[in-house]
Amino acid sequence: MSGTERPLRVLFVCTQNKLRSPTAETLFREHPGWQVASAGTARDAEISLTRDLLEWADVAVCMEKRHRDWIRAKLGGVLPDARLLTLGIPDEYGFMDPELVTLLERLVPLRLAGTSPREV
């Protein structure tokens, strides 16, 4: 990283913030050049997605299209559409499920390839 760039801030989003997005956060916590967090769109999520969290992020990686649509409806304009990525991973995996880990390890780097942080 050059002196003017900071780590890419990646926010993983699912519904309850109990299984998929915390798995992604755990998996990519030590990824070089990334700072990661996770949140959920449901009112009773472990960590609820807020405007502040979305403003912190350079990119939101949504597990499903409905999460991206929720962000557009409730927090539209905080991040440009190009920074709202969707993986298409359904809610059928447990926390750190090996199949989920494999999907995330394959899809997340592909979706984030070429994404750089905003200038500081």
Protein backbone atom coordinates (compact mmCIF):
# COMPACT_ATOMS: atom_id res chain seq x y z
CA MET A 1 0.00 0.00 0.00
CA SER A 2 1.18 3.46 -0.77
CA GLY A 3 1.32 6.13 1.90
CA THR A 4 -1.98 7.65 0.73
CA GLU A 5 -4.02 4.46 0.86
CA ARG A 6 -5.52 2.79 3.87
CA PRO A 7 -6.90 -0.76 4.07
CA LEU A 8 -10.04 -1.55 2.10
CA ARG A 9 -12.96 -1.51 4.54
CA VAL A 10 -15.21 -4.49 3.78
CA LEU A 11 -18.60 -4.89 5.45
CA PHE A 12 -20.19 -8.34 5.15
CA VAL A 13 -23.99 -8.32 5.35
CA CYS A 14 -26.57 -11.04 5.96
CA THR A 15 -29.90 -11.13 7.82
CA GLN A 16 -29.23 -12.04 11.47
CA ASN A 17 -25.44 -11.53 11.58
CA LYS A 18 -25.14 -14.94 13.25
CA LEU A 19 -23.90 -17.34 10.55
CA ARG A 20 -22.87 -16.14 7.08
CA SER A 21 -21.52 -12.63 7.62
CA PRO A 22 -19.70 -13.50 10.89
CA THR A 23 -18.13 -16.46 9.07
CA ALA A 24 -16.90 -14.10 6.35
CA GLU A 25 -15.63 -11.62 8.93
CA THR A 26 -13.75 -14.38 10.77
CA LEU A 27 -12.37 -15.82 7.54
CA PHE A 28 -11.03 -12.53 6.16
CA ARG A 29 -10.04 -10.83 9.44
CA GLU A 30 -6.33 -11.30 8.71
CA HIS A 31 -6.52 -10.62 4.95
CA PRO A 32 -3.70 -8.22 4.04
CA GLY A 33 -4.96 -4.81 2.99
CA TRP A 34 -8.50 -5.32 4.30
CA GLN A 35 -10.33 -4.21 7.44
CA VAL A 36 -13.50 -6.24 7.90
CA ALA A 37 -16.73 -6.07 9.87
CA SER A 38 -20.15 -7.69 9.63
CA ALA A 39 -23.77 -6.75 10.29
CA GLY A 40 -27.32 -7.92 9.68
CA THR A 41 -30.40 -6.31 8.17
CA ALA A 42 -32.88 -7.71 10.73
CA ARG A 43 -33.92 -5.61 13.71
CA ASP A 44 -32.80 -8.37 16.07
CA ALA A 45 -29.48 -9.02 14.33
CA GLU A 46 -26.43 -9.58 16.54
CA ILE A 47 -25.00 -6.35 15.08
CA SER A 48 -27.59 -4.33 13.18
CA LEU A 49 -26.60 -2.60 9.97
CA THR A 50 -26.57 1.15 10.56
CA ARG A 51 -25.82 4.21 8.48
CA ASP A 52 -22.60 4.68 10.48
CA LEU A 53 -21.37 1.17 9.66
CA LEU A 54 -22.18 1.65 5.98
CA GLU A 55 -20.42 5.03 5.97
CA TRP A 56 -17.36 3.32 7.48
CA ALA A 57 -17.29 0.75 4.65
CA ASP A 58 -15.73 1.13 1.23
CA VAL A 59 -17.75 -1.84 0.01
CA ALA A 60 -20.67 -3.89 1.34
CA VAL A 61 -20.59 -7.58 0.44
CA CYS A 62 -24.17 -8.87 0.69
CA MET A 63 -24.90 -12.56 0.98
CA GLU A 64 -28.13 -12.25 -1.04
CA LYS A 65 -29.82 -9.79 -3.39
CA ARG A 66 -32.44 -9.03 -0.73
CA HIS A 67 -29.70 -7.62 1.54
CA ARG A 68 -28.53 -5.28 -1.23
CA ASP A 69 -32.15 -4.29 -1.87
CA TRP A 70 -32.65 -3.59 1.86
CA ILE A 71 -29.59 -1.30 1.86
CA ARG A 72 -30.88 0.53 -1.22
CA ALA A 73 -34.33 0.99 0.35
CA LYS A 74 -33.27 1.95 3.89
CA LEU A 75 -29.81 3.50 3.43
CA GLY A 76 -29.75 4.41 -0.25
CA GLY A 77 -27.02 6.76 -1.33
CA VAL A 78 -24.58 5.96 1.49
CA LEU A 79 -22.57 3.71 -0.83
CA PRO A 80 -22.82 3.84 -4.62
CA ASP A 81 -24.44 0.79 -6.25
CA ALA A 82 -21.06 -0.30 -7.62
CA ARG A 83 -19.92 -0.72 -3.99
CA LEU A 84 -22.88 -2.99 -3.07
CA LEU A 85 -21.77 -6.47 -4.07
CA THR A 86 -23.88 -9.63 -3.93
CA LEU A 87 -22.56 -13.18 -3.50
CA GLY A 88 -25.79 -15.17 -3.90
CA ILE A 89 -25.18 -17.37 -0.84
CA PRO A 90 -28.49 -18.61 0.63
CA ASP A 91 -29.22 -18.91 4.34
CA GLU A 92 -28.57 -22.63 4.62
CA TYR A 93 -25.19 -22.84 6.32
CA GLY A 94 -24.00 -22.87 9.90
CA PHE A 95 -21.25 -20.69 11.31
CA MET A 96 -17.89 -21.74 9.79
CA ASP A 97 -19.61 -24.54 7.80
CA PRO A 98 -16.86 -25.98 5.55
CA GLU A 99 -19.05 -25.57 2.45
CA LEU A 100 -19.73 -21.92 3.32
CA VAL A 101 -16.02 -21.32 3.95
CA THR A 102 -15.20 -22.79 0.51
CA LEU A 103 -17.82 -20.58 -1.17
CA LEU A 104 -16.58 -17.46 0.59
CA GLU A 105 -12.92 -18.21 -0.15
CA ARG A 106 -13.80 -18.56 -3.84
CA LEU A 107 -16.35 -15.75 -4.30
CA VAL A 108 -15.16 -12.89 -2.09
CA PRO A 109 -11.70 -12.38 -3.67
CA LEU A 110 -13.28 -12.57 -7.15
CA ARG A 111 -15.94 -9.98 -6.31
CA LEU A 112 -13.43 -7.64 -4.64
CA ALA A 113 -10.71 -7.94 -7.29
CA GLY A 114 -9.65 -4.48 -8.36
CA THR A 115 -11.62 -2.74 -5.60
CA SER A 116 -9.55 -0.09 -3.88
CA PRO A 117 -10.30 2.06 -0.85
CA ARG A 118 -11.49 5.61 -1.16
CA GLU A 119 -8.66 8.08 -0.95
CA VAL A 120 -8.03 9.24 2.61
